[in-house]
């Protein structure tokens, strides 16, 4: 993973996440964590999934695996994923819907293409993020919440559409229950449309999913596949060069360092060691009707 400099005032750094091929025509870009920036607000993990095209008989098969100390947020732009977890949830997620899974003290889940969609084939394109939980919530009971697209607040103005996935921004508050101050939004811009990045959250970044943006009054812009981290307090106006899609993320940084190993996040290294031992010994609750699992990596 590399970074580049930017002439734009108010930009801390620009991260250029590499493409990782996971096989079967499925690839991801992992923008967080990086060697240059581990977190933005409470966000400790950011993956762009795809864009992948599956032929008939093909699909996504992420076998059951565990998490602690975080919440996963799945948001699709195209396609569908079937989520199953150890608290008994079975839920399809489609574009514009939000899956918020609180791992807390420990949860196991799988992510697959349903049999119906596998038979048809199709595309899959989306984002998966992890939000680290504050210390007082790291060991909450695991849980799962699904919100349909029409529950997620949206505002449109002059060619800009902002959909607030979680947290608060631009006068909107998402119904998705969170555990700390944050913002996570999907911003679609028509060619030439503008969005003013405000200073209402301490840490903020945008990830350019599609297209390109420039900064009004300054030289320089940001292209597809770049994570742009801004300095606290910076206010700039972005303008789209062609049709553009951005993800805005950030919030109040957590005061304690977070340790991460595989799918485990915690403020305590000892807690991660316990989670590793628990997974190896299969002490996590299983996903009903699933018999496979991803073993602990070396």
C-alpha atoms as a PDB file:
ATOM      1  CA  UNK A   1       0.000   0.000   0.000  1.00  0.00           C
ATOM      2  CA  UNK A   2       1.381   3.383  -0.988  1.00  0.00           C
ATOM      3  CA  UNK A   3       0.539   7.023  -0.403  1.00  0.00           C
ATOM      4  CA  UNK A   4       0.898  10.162  -2.464  1.00  0.00           C
ATOM      5  CA  UNK A   5       1.173  13.820  -1.650  1.00  0.00           C
ATOM      6  CA  UNK A   6      -1.509  16.373  -2.477  1.00  0.00           C
ATOM      7  CA  UNK A   7      -1.264  20.085  -3.112  1.00  0.00           C
ATOM      8  CA  UNK A   8      -4.706  20.584  -1.594  1.00  0.00           C
ATOM      9  CA  UNK A   9      -4.727  22.523   1.683  1.00  0.00           C
ATOM     10  CA  UNK A  10      -6.493  20.568   4.390  1.00  0.00           C
ATOM     11  CA  UNK A  11      -5.452  17.114   3.129  1.00  0.00           C
ATOM     12  CA  UNK A  12      -3.375  15.010   5.521  1.00  0.00           C
ATOM     13  CA  UNK A  13      -2.549  12.167   3.133  1.00  0.00           C
ATOM     14  CA  UNK A  14      -3.886  10.164   0.189  1.00  0.00           C
ATOM     15  CA  UNK A  15      -3.791   6.364   0.501  1.00  0.00           C
ATOM     16  CA  UNK A  16      -3.619   4.223  -2.637  1.00  0.00           C
ATOM     17  CA  UNK A  17      -4.878   0.773  -1.611  1.00  0.00           C
ATOM     18  CA  UNK A  18      -3.701  -2.146  -3.754  1.00  0.00           C
ATOM     19  CA  UNK A  19      -6.055  -4.601  -5.415  1.00  0.00           C
ATOM     20  CA  UNK A  20      -5.984  -8.042  -3.776  1.00  0.00           C
ATOM     21  CA  UNK A  21      -7.251 -10.994  -5.791  1.00  0.00           C
ATOM     22  CA  UNK A  22      -9.160 -13.392  -3.545  1.00  0.00           C
ATOM     23  CA  UNK A  23      -9.731 -15.904  -6.345  1.00  0.00           C
ATOM     24  CA  UNK A  24     -12.757 -16.880  -8.436  1.00  0.00           C
ATOM     25  CA  UNK A  25     -12.744 -13.455 -10.061  1.00  0.00           C
ATOM     26  CA  UNK A  26     -13.292 -11.607  -6.776  1.00  0.00           C
ATOM     27  CA  UNK A  27     -10.966  -8.825  -5.650  1.00  0.00           C
ATOM     28  CA  UNK A  28     -10.874  -6.209  -2.879  1.00  0.00           C
ATOM     29  CA  UNK A  29      -9.159  -2.877  -2.248  1.00  0.00           C
ATOM     30  CA  UNK A  30      -8.254  -2.551   1.448  1.00  0.00           C
ATOM     31  CA  UNK A  31      -7.783   1.114   2.351  1.00  0.00           C
ATOM     32  CA  UNK A  32      -7.755   0.644   6.150  1.00  0.00           C
ATOM     33  CA  UNK A  33      -5.817  -0.278   8.161  1.00  0.00           C
ATOM     34  CA  UNK A  34      -2.643   0.834   6.408  1.00  0.00           C
ATOM     35  CA  UNK A  35       0.937   1.318   7.546  1.00  0.00           C
ATOM     36  CA  UNK A  36       0.378   5.051   7.094  1.00  0.00           C
ATOM     37  CA  UNK A  37      -3.007   5.375   8.829  1.00  0.00           C
ATOM     38  CA  UNK A  38      -4.648   2.735  10.991  1.00  0.00           C
ATOM     39  CA  UNK A  39      -7.961   4.464  11.739  1.00  0.00           C
ATOM     40  CA  UNK A  40     -10.194   7.374  10.755  1.00  0.00           C
ATOM     41  CA  UNK A  41     -12.478   8.168  13.678  1.00  0.00           C
ATOM     42  CA  UNK A  42     -13.719   4.763  14.889  1.00  0.00           C
ATOM     43  CA  UNK A  43     -13.246   3.149  11.437  1.00  0.00           C
ATOM     44  CA  UNK A  44     -10.448   0.577  11.545  1.00  0.00           C
ATOM     45  CA  UNK A  45     -11.163  -1.404   8.374  1.00  0.00           C
ATOM     46  CA  UNK A  46     -12.374  -0.370   4.919  1.00  0.00           C
ATOM     47  CA  UNK A  47     -12.729  -2.734   1.964  1.00  0.00           C
ATOM     48  CA  UNK A  48     -14.109  -2.144  -1.490  1.00  0.00           C
ATOM     49  CA  UNK A  49     -15.519  -5.494  -2.628  1.00  0.00           C
ATOM     50  CA  UNK A  50     -15.435  -6.013  -6.392  1.00  0.00           C
ATOM     51  CA  UNK A  51     -16.729  -5.012  -8.844  1.00  0.00           C
ATOM     52  CA  UNK A  52     -17.059  -8.744  -9.583  1.00  0.00           C
ATOM     53  CA  UNK A  53     -19.046 -10.591 -12.230  1.00  0.00           C
ATOM     54  CA  UNK A  54     -20.123 -14.151 -11.459  1.00  0.00           C
ATOM     55  CA  UNK A  55     -21.168 -16.619 -14.133  1.00  0.00           C
ATOM     56  CA  UNK A  56     -24.036 -19.020 -13.565  1.00  0.00           C
ATOM     57  CA  UNK A  57     -23.044 -21.423 -10.780  1.00  0.00           C
ATOM     58  CA  UNK A  58     -20.489 -19.035  -9.275  1.00  0.00           C
ATOM     59  CA  UNK A  59     -20.771 -16.775  -6.251  1.00  0.00           C
ATOM     60  CA  UNK A  60     -19.333 -15.460  -3.006  1.00  0.00           C
ATOM     61  CA  UNK A  61     -18.509 -17.999  -0.292  1.00  0.00           C
ATOM     62  CA  UNK A  62     -17.025 -16.466   2.855  1.00  0.00           C
ATOM     63  CA  UNK A  63     -17.157 -19.340   5.352  1.00  0.00           C
ATOM     64  CA  UNK A  64     -18.058 -18.758   9.018  1.00  0.00           C
ATOM     65  CA  UNK A  65     -15.450 -16.685  10.854  1.00  0.00           C
ATOM     66  CA  UNK A  66     -15.394 -14.811  14.202  1.00  0.00           C
ATOM     67  CA  UNK A  67     -15.204 -11.180  15.305  1.00  0.00           C
ATOM     68  CA  UNK A  68     -14.817  -9.389  18.651  1.00  0.00           C
ATOM     69  CA  UNK A  69     -14.696  -5.745  19.751  1.00  0.00           C
ATOM     70  CA  UNK A  70     -16.169  -4.182  16.608  1.00  0.00           C
ATOM     71  CA  UNK A  71     -19.229  -3.725  14.433  1.00  0.00           C
ATOM     72  CA  UNK A  72     -19.250  -4.679  10.764  1.00  0.00           C
ATOM     73  CA  UNK A  73     -21.154  -2.469   8.322  1.00  0.00           C
ATOM     74  CA  UNK A  74     -22.041  -3.950   4.932  1.00  0.00           C
ATOM     75  CA  UNK A  75     -23.334  -1.641   2.192  1.00  0.00           C
ATOM     76  CA  UNK A  76     -23.831  -2.768  -1.399  1.00  0.00           C
ATOM     77  CA  UNK A  77     -23.911  -0.746  -4.597  1.00  0.00           C
ATOM     78  CA  UNK A  78     -24.806  -3.717  -6.790  1.00  0.00           C
ATOM     79  CA  UNK A  79     -25.728  -7.363  -6.268  1.00  0.00           C
ATOM     80  CA  UNK A  80     -26.830  -9.262  -3.170  1.00  0.00           C
ATOM     81  CA  UNK A  81     -25.234 -11.108  -0.224  1.00  0.00           C
ATOM     82  CA  UNK A  82     -26.854 -13.604   2.149  1.00  0.00           C
ATOM     83  CA  UNK A  83     -25.708 -13.038   5.750  1.00  0.00           C
ATOM     84  CA  UNK A  84     -25.962 -15.717   8.448  1.00  0.00           C
ATOM     85  CA  UNK A  85     -24.649 -15.403  12.006  1.00  0.00           C
ATOM     86  CA  UNK A  86     -24.392 -17.133  15.368  1.00  0.00           C
ATOM     87  CA  UNK A  87     -27.233 -15.130  16.946  1.00  0.00           C
ATOM     88  CA  UNK A  88     -29.568 -16.725  14.397  1.00  0.00           C
ATOM     89  CA  UNK A  89     -29.831 -13.936  11.802  1.00  0.00           C
ATOM     90  CA  UNK A  90     -30.473 -14.905   8.182  1.00  0.00           C
ATOM     91  CA  UNK A  91     -30.670 -11.796   6.040  1.00  0.00           C
ATOM     92  CA  UNK A  92     -30.199 -10.867   2.390  1.00  0.00           C
ATOM     93  CA  UNK A  93     -28.651  -7.460   1.805  1.00  0.00           C
ATOM     94  CA  UNK A  94     -29.343  -5.513  -1.372  1.00  0.00           C
ATOM     95  CA  UNK A  95     -28.144  -2.134  -2.700  1.00  0.00           C
ATOM     96  CA  UNK A  96     -28.932   0.806  -0.434  1.00  0.00           C
ATOM     97  CA  UNK A  97     -29.682  -1.390   2.589  1.00  0.00           C
ATOM     98  CA  UNK A  98     -27.509  -1.446   5.717  1.00  0.00           C
ATOM     99  CA  UNK A  99     -26.346  -4.492   7.671  1.00  0.00           C
ATOM    100  CA  UNK A 100     -24.904  -3.504  11.066  1.00  0.00           C
ATOM    101  CA  UNK A 101     -23.540  -6.486  13.000  1.00  0.00           C
ATOM    102  CA  UNK A 102     -22.288  -5.824  16.535  1.00  0.00           C
ATOM    103  CA  UNK A 103     -19.630  -8.383  17.421  1.00  0.00           C
ATOM    104  CA  UNK A 104     -19.020  -7.194  20.989  1.00  0.00           C
ATOM    105  CA  UNK A 105     -17.977 -10.157  23.106  1.00  0.00           C
ATOM    106  CA  UNK A 106     -17.989 -12.433  20.073  1.00  0.00           C
ATOM    107  CA  UNK A 107     -19.989 -13.383  16.982  1.00  0.00           C
ATOM    108  CA  UNK A 108     -19.513 -15.716  14.021  1.00  0.00           C
ATOM    109  CA  UNK A 109     -20.953 -15.066  10.564  1.00  0.00           C
ATOM    110  CA  UNK A 110     -20.827 -16.167   6.946  1.00  0.00           C
ATOM    111  CA  UNK A 111     -21.410 -14.213   3.741  1.00  0.00           C
ATOM    112  CA  UNK A 112     -22.523 -16.067   0.640  1.00  0.00           C
ATOM    113  CA  UNK A 113     -24.373 -15.815  -2.614  1.00  0.00           C
ATOM    114  CA  UNK A 114     -27.825 -17.364  -2.253  1.00  0.00           C
ATOM    115  CA  UNK A 115     -28.639 -20.480  -4.273  1.00  0.00           C
ATOM    116  CA  UNK A 116     -31.141 -18.506  -6.335  1.00  0.00           C
ATOM    117  CA  UNK A 117     -28.618 -15.826  -7.294  1.00  0.00           C
ATOM    118  CA  UNK A 118     -25.847 -18.392  -7.772  1.00  0.00           C
ATOM    119  CA  UNK A 119     -27.950 -20.130 -10.399  1.00  0.00           C
ATOM    120  CA  UNK A 120     -28.447 -16.861 -12.284  1.00  0.00           C
ATOM    121  CA  UNK A 121     -24.985 -15.328 -11.861  1.00  0.00           C
ATOM    122  CA  UNK A 122     -24.562 -11.563 -11.729  1.00  0.00           C
ATOM    123  CA  UNK A 123     -22.488  -8.708 -10.341  1.00  0.00           C
ATOM    124  CA  UNK A 124     -21.357  -7.853  -6.816  1.00  0.00           C
ATOM    125  CA  UNK A 125     -20.006  -4.462  -5.810  1.00  0.00           C
ATOM    126  CA  UNK A 126     -19.971  -2.896  -2.362  1.00  0.00           C
ATOM    127  CA  UNK A 127     -18.188  -1.714   0.742  1.00  0.00           C
ATOM    128  CA  UNK A 128     -17.492  -3.427   4.030  1.00  0.00           C
ATOM    129  CA  UNK A 129     -16.205  -1.490   7.018  1.00  0.00           C
ATOM    130  CA  UNK A 130     -15.408  -2.259  10.629  1.00  0.00           C
ATOM    131  CA  UNK A 131     -16.159   0.238  13.368  1.00  0.00           C
ATOM    132  CA  UNK A 132     -14.125  -0.259  16.548  1.00  0.00           C
ATOM    133  CA  UNK A 133     -16.320  -0.151  19.650  1.00  0.00           C
ATOM    134  CA  UNK A 134     -15.487   2.166  22.585  1.00  0.00           C
ATOM    135  CA  UNK A 135     -13.969   0.392  25.583  1.00  0.00           C
ATOM    136  CA  UNK A 136     -17.238   0.388  27.568  1.00  0.00           C
ATOM    137  CA  UNK A 137     -18.969  -1.390  24.667  1.00  0.00           C
ATOM    138  CA  UNK A 138     -16.247  -3.804  23.537  1.00  0.00           C
ATOM    139  CA  UNK A 139     -17.857  -6.695  25.412  1.00  0.00           C
ATOM    140  CA  UNK A 140     -21.539  -5.957  24.758  1.00  0.00           C
ATOM    141  CA  UNK A 141     -23.755  -8.854  23.725  1.00  0.00           C
ATOM    142  CA  UNK A 142     -23.493  -9.601  20.010  1.00  0.00           C
ATOM    143  CA  UNK A 143     -26.380  -8.457  17.838  1.00  0.00           C
ATOM    144  CA  UNK A 144     -27.535  -7.768  14.318  1.00  0.00           C
ATOM    145  CA  UNK A 145     -29.641  -5.007  12.732  1.00  0.00           C
ATOM    146  CA  UNK A 146     -30.852  -4.666   9.159  1.00  0.00           C
ATOM    147  CA  UNK A 147     -32.259  -1.455   7.692  1.00  0.00           C
ATOM    148  CA  UNK A 148     -34.033  -1.293   4.349  1.00  0.00           C
ATOM    149  CA  UNK A 149     -33.083   1.399   1.857  1.00  0.00           C
ATOM    150  CA  UNK A 150     -36.211   3.481   2.471  1.00  0.00           C
ATOM    151  CA  UNK A 151     -35.289   3.767   6.176  1.00  0.00           C
ATOM    152  CA  UNK A 152     -31.954   5.457   5.417  1.00  0.00           C
ATOM    153  CA  UNK A 153     -32.210   9.289   5.253  1.00  0.00           C
ATOM    154  CA  UNK A 154     -31.271  10.965   1.979  1.00  0.00           C
ATOM    155  CA  UNK A 155     -31.035  14.568   0.799  1.00  0.00           C
ATOM    156  CA  UNK A 156     -30.702  15.768  -2.791  1.00  0.00           C
ATOM    157  CA  UNK A 157     -29.708  19.194  -4.066  1.00  0.00           C
ATOM    158  CA  UNK A 158     -28.306  20.493  -7.373  1.00  0.00           C
ATOM    159  CA  UNK A 159     -27.047  17.139  -8.625  1.00  0.00           C
ATOM    160  CA  UNK A 160     -25.742  15.899  -5.254  1.00  0.00           C
ATOM    161  CA  UNK A 161     -27.397  13.039  -3.363  1.00  0.00           C
ATOM    162  CA  UNK A 162     -26.201  12.185   0.175  1.00  0.00           C
ATOM    163  CA  UNK A 163     -27.394   8.971   1.842  1.00  0.00           C
ATOM    164  CA  UNK A 164     -26.508   8.813   5.543  1.00  0.00           C
ATOM    165  CA  UNK A 165     -25.678   5.185   6.315  1.00  0.00           C
ATOM    166  CA  UNK A 166     -24.755   5.716   9.973  1.00  0.00           C
ATOM    167  CA  UNK A 167     -24.134   8.555  12.411  1.00  0.00           C
ATOM    168  CA  UNK A 168     -24.937  12.208  11.716  1.00  0.00           C
ATOM    169  CA  UNK A 169     -24.060  14.717   9.009  1.00  0.00           C
ATOM    170  CA  UNK A 170     -25.551  17.611   7.030  1.00  0.00           C
ATOM    171  CA  UNK A 171     -28.534  17.898   9.367  1.00  0.00           C
ATOM    172  CA  UNK A 172     -29.427  14.198   9.069  1.00  0.00           C
ATOM    173  CA  UNK A 173     -29.322  11.448  11.702  1.00  0.00           C
ATOM    174  CA  UNK A 174     -29.311   7.798  10.646  1.00  0.00           C
ATOM    175  CA  UNK A 175     -31.599   5.304  12.451  1.00  0.00           C
ATOM    176  CA  UNK A 176     -28.706   2.819  12.602  1.00  0.00           C
ATOM    177  CA  UNK A 177     -27.706   2.416  16.252  1.00  0.00           C
ATOM    178  CA  UNK A 178     -24.052   3.320  16.818  1.00  0.00           C
ATOM    179  CA  UNK A 179     -21.832   3.356  19.901  1.00  0.00           C
ATOM    180  CA  UNK A 180     -19.767   6.527  19.341  1.00  0.00           C
ATOM    181  CA  UNK A 181     -19.704   9.769  17.357  1.00  0.00           C
ATOM    182  CA  UNK A 182     -19.344   8.965  13.663  1.00  0.00           C
ATOM    183  CA  UNK A 183     -20.384   9.665  10.099  1.00  0.00           C
ATOM    184  CA  UNK A 184     -20.678   7.202   7.229  1.00  0.00           C
ATOM    185  CA  UNK A 185     -22.360   8.414   4.054  1.00  0.00           C
ATOM    186  CA  UNK A 186     -22.770   7.551   0.373  1.00  0.00           C
ATOM    187  CA  UNK A 187     -22.463  10.668  -1.816  1.00  0.00           C
ATOM    188  CA  UNK A 188     -23.428  10.532  -5.505  1.00  0.00           C
ATOM    189  CA  UNK A 189     -22.485  13.545  -7.648  1.00  0.00           C
ATOM    190  CA  UNK A 190     -23.505  14.358 -11.183  1.00  0.00           C
ATOM    191  CA  UNK A 191     -20.917  15.959 -13.449  1.00  0.00           C
ATOM    192  CA  UNK A 192     -20.043  19.380 -12.028  1.00  0.00           C
ATOM    193  CA  UNK A 193     -22.051  18.902  -8.835  1.00  0.00           C
ATOM    194  CA  UNK A 194     -20.531  20.071  -5.547  1.00  0.00           C
ATOM    195  CA  UNK A 195     -20.294  18.849  -1.976  1.00  0.00           C
ATOM    196  CA  UNK A 196     -18.969  20.953   0.886  1.00  0.00           C
ATOM    197  CA  UNK A 197     -16.958  18.923   3.355  1.00  0.00           C
ATOM    198  CA  UNK A 198     -17.831  20.350   6.768  1.00  0.00           C
ATOM    199  CA  UNK A 199     -15.862  20.267  10.015  1.00  0.00           C
ATOM    200  CA  UNK A 200     -18.629  18.784  12.163  1.00  0.00           C
ATOM    201  CA  UNK A 201     -16.564  15.639  12.916  1.00  0.00           C
ATOM    202  CA  UNK A 202     -12.952  15.641  14.129  1.00  0.00           C
ATOM    203  CA  UNK A 203     -11.572  13.058  11.712  1.00  0.00           C
ATOM    204  CA  UNK A 204     -12.896  12.613   8.169  1.00  0.00           C
ATOM    205  CA  UNK A 205     -11.939  10.875   4.969  1.00  0.00           C
ATOM    206  CA  UNK A 206     -13.507  10.245   1.594  1.00  0.00           C
ATOM    207  CA  UNK A 207     -13.053   7.137  -0.509  1.00  0.00           C
ATOM    208  CA  UNK A 208     -13.606   7.657  -4.239  1.00  0.00           C
ATOM    209  CA  UNK A 209     -15.575   4.641  -5.430  1.00  0.00           C
ATOM    210  CA  UNK A 210     -16.173   5.829  -8.978  1.00  0.00           C
ATOM    211  CA  UNK A 211     -15.221   8.923 -10.940  1.00  0.00           C
ATOM    212  CA  UNK A 212     -13.047  11.835  -9.869  1.00  0.00           C
ATOM    213  CA  UNK A 213     -13.345  15.040  -7.832  1.00  0.00           C
ATOM    214  CA  UNK A 214     -11.469  18.322  -7.836  1.00  0.00           C
ATOM    215  CA  UNK A 215     -11.266  20.960  -5.121  1.00  0.00           C
ATOM    216  CA  UNK A 216     -12.750  24.337  -5.931  1.00  0.00           C
ATOM    217  CA  UNK A 217     -10.193  27.113  -5.716  1.00  0.00           C
ATOM    218  CA  UNK A 218      -7.214  24.757  -5.484  1.00  0.00           C
ATOM    219  CA  UNK A 219      -5.048  22.693  -7.778  1.00  0.00           C
ATOM    220  CA  UNK A 220      -5.393  18.948  -7.525  1.00  0.00           C
ATOM    221  CA  UNK A 221      -8.008  16.250  -7.380  1.00  0.00           C
ATOM    222  CA  UNK A 222      -8.711  12.705  -6.322  1.00  0.00           C
ATOM    223  CA  UNK A 223      -9.436   9.661  -8.476  1.00  0.00           C
ATOM    224  CA  UNK A 224     -11.230   6.354  -8.173  1.00  0.00           C
ATOM    225  CA  UNK A 225      -9.669   3.991  -5.622  1.00  0.00           C
ATOM    226  CA  UNK A 226      -8.095   6.717  -3.453  1.00  0.00           C
ATOM    227  CA  UNK A 227      -8.730   7.257   0.265  1.00  0.00           C
ATOM    228  CA  UNK A 228      -8.286  10.946   1.085  1.00  0.00           C
ATOM    229  CA  UNK A 229      -7.742  11.751   4.779  1.00  0.00           C
ATOM    230  CA  UNK A 230      -8.402  15.358   5.787  1.00  0.00           C
ATOM    231  CA  UNK A 231      -6.879  17.459   8.550  1.00  0.00           C
ATOM    232  CA  UNK A 232      -9.164  18.273  11.511  1.00  0.00           C
ATOM    233  CA  UNK A 233     -11.133  21.450  10.920  1.00  0.00           C
ATOM    234  CA  UNK A 234     -10.539  21.578   7.171  1.00  0.00           C
ATOM    235  CA  UNK A 235     -13.510  22.761   5.106  1.00  0.00           C
ATOM    236  CA  UNK A 236     -13.286  22.388   1.342  1.00  0.00           C
ATOM    237  CA  UNK A 237     -15.711  22.160  -1.558  1.00  0.00           C
ATOM    238  CA  UNK A 238     -15.451  19.151  -3.837  1.00  0.00           C
ATOM    239  CA  UNK A 239     -16.668  19.219  -7.448  1.00  0.00           C
ATOM    240  CA  UNK A 240     -17.255  16.134  -9.582  1.00  0.00           C
ATOM    241  CA  UNK A 241     -15.450  15.577 -12.869  1.00  0.00           C
ATOM    242  CA  UNK A 242     -18.056  13.360 -14.493  1.00  0.00           C
ATOM    243  CA  UNK A 243     -20.461  11.135 -12.577  1.00  0.00           C
ATOM    244  CA  UNK A 244     -18.814  10.361  -9.231  1.00  0.00           C
ATOM    245  CA  UNK A 245     -19.512   8.234  -6.133  1.00  0.00           C
ATOM    246  CA  UNK A 246     -17.838   8.928  -2.775  1.00  0.00           C
ATOM    247  CA  UNK A 247     -17.988   7.335   0.657  1.00  0.00           C
ATOM    248  CA  UNK A 248     -17.553   9.795   3.549  1.00  0.00           C
ATOM    249  CA  UNK A 249     -16.386   8.340   6.868  1.00  0.00           C
ATOM    250  CA  UNK A 250     -15.053   9.588  10.183  1.00  0.00           C
ATOM    251  CA  UNK A 251     -15.921  10.685  13.675  1.00  0.00           C
ATOM    252  CA  UNK A 252     -14.427  11.181  17.106  1.00  0.00           C
ATOM    253  CA  UNK A 253     -11.178   9.184  17.453  1.00  0.00           C
ATOM    254  CA  UNK A 254     -11.178   6.614  20.241  1.00  0.00           C
ATOM    255  CA  UNK A 255      -8.827   7.645  23.077  1.00  0.00           C
ATOM    256  CA  UNK A 256      -7.207   4.213  23.487  1.00  0.00           C
ATOM    257  CA  UNK A 257      -5.072   2.365  20.947  1.00  0.00           C
ATOM    258  CA  UNK A 258      -6.769  -0.525  19.174  1.00  0.00           C
ATOM    259  CA  UNK A 259      -4.969  -3.795  18.514  1.00  0.00           C
ATOM    260  CA  UNK A 260      -5.990  -5.864  15.502  1.00  0.00           C
ATOM    261  CA  UNK A 261      -5.301  -9.468  14.564  1.00  0.00           C
ATOM    262  CA  UNK A 262      -7.193 -11.097  11.718  1.00  0.00           C
ATOM    263  CA  UNK A 263     -10.894 -10.436  12.508  1.00  0.00           C
ATOM    264  CA  UNK A 264     -10.329  -9.432  16.130  1.00  0.00           C
ATOM    265  CA  UNK A 265     -10.145  -5.831  17.386  1.00  0.00           C
ATOM    266  CA  UNK A 266      -9.599  -4.853  21.024  1.00  0.00           C
ATOM    267  CA  UNK A 267      -8.018  -2.276  23.308  1.00  0.00           C
ATOM    268  CA  UNK A 268      -6.457  -5.263  25.135  1.00  0.00           C
ATOM    269  CA  UNK A 269      -3.795  -7.525  23.540  1.00  0.00           C
ATOM    270  CA  UNK A 270      -4.668 -10.185  26.111  1.00  0.00           C
ATOM    271  CA  UNK A 271      -8.297 -10.179  24.959  1.00  0.00           C
ATOM    272  CA  UNK A 272      -7.181 -10.868  21.388  1.00  0.00           C
ATOM    273  CA  UNK A 273      -5.038 -13.786  22.578  1.00  0.00           C
ATOM    274  CA  UNK A 274      -8.094 -15.168  24.382  1.00  0.00           C
ATOM    275  CA  UNK A 275     -10.196 -14.830  21.223  1.00  0.00           C
ATOM    276  CA  UNK A 276      -7.544 -16.669  19.208  1.00  0.00           C
ATOM    277  CA  UNK A 277      -7.530 -19.531  21.707  1.00  0.00           C
ATOM    278  CA  UNK A 278     -11.331 -19.611  21.810  1.00  0.00           C
ATOM    279  CA  UNK A 279     -11.584 -19.879  18.020  1.00  0.00           C
ATOM    280  CA  UNK A 280      -8.969 -22.606  17.827  1.00  0.00           C
ATOM    281  CA  UNK A 281     -10.869 -24.560  20.485  1.00  0.00           C
ATOM    282  CA  UNK A 282     -14.204 -23.811  18.749  1.00  0.00           C
ATOM    283  CA  UNK A 283     -15.658 -22.154  21.856  1.00  0.00           C
ATOM    284  CA  UNK A 284     -17.497 -19.497  19.812  1.00  0.00           C
ATOM    285  CA  UNK A 285     -21.191 -20.127  19.194  1.00  0.00           C
ATOM    286  CA  UNK A 286     -21.611 -21.595  15.686  1.00  0.00           C
ATOM    287  CA  UNK A 287     -23.696 -20.336  12.775  1.00  0.00           C
ATOM    288  CA  UNK A 288     -26.795 -22.594  12.649  1.00  0.00           C
ATOM    289  CA  UNK A 289     -26.802 -25.045   9.733  1.00  0.00           C
ATOM    290  CA  UNK A 290     -23.233 -24.129   8.707  1.00  0.00           C
ATOM    291  CA  UNK A 291     -20.524 -26.747   9.146  1.00  0.00           C
ATOM    292  CA  UNK A 292     -17.520 -25.107   7.485  1.00  0.00           C
ATOM    293  CA  UNK A 293     -15.287 -22.493   9.091  1.00  0.00           C
ATOM    294  CA  UNK A 294     -12.157 -20.451   8.347  1.00  0.00           C
ATOM    295  CA  UNK A 295      -9.289 -21.634  10.561  1.00  0.00           C
ATOM    296  CA  UNK A 296      -7.189 -19.210  12.603  1.00  0.00           C
ATOM    297  CA  UNK A 297      -4.330 -17.955  10.379  1.00  0.00           C
ATOM    298  CA  UNK A 298      -0.777 -18.746  11.370  1.00  0.00           C
END
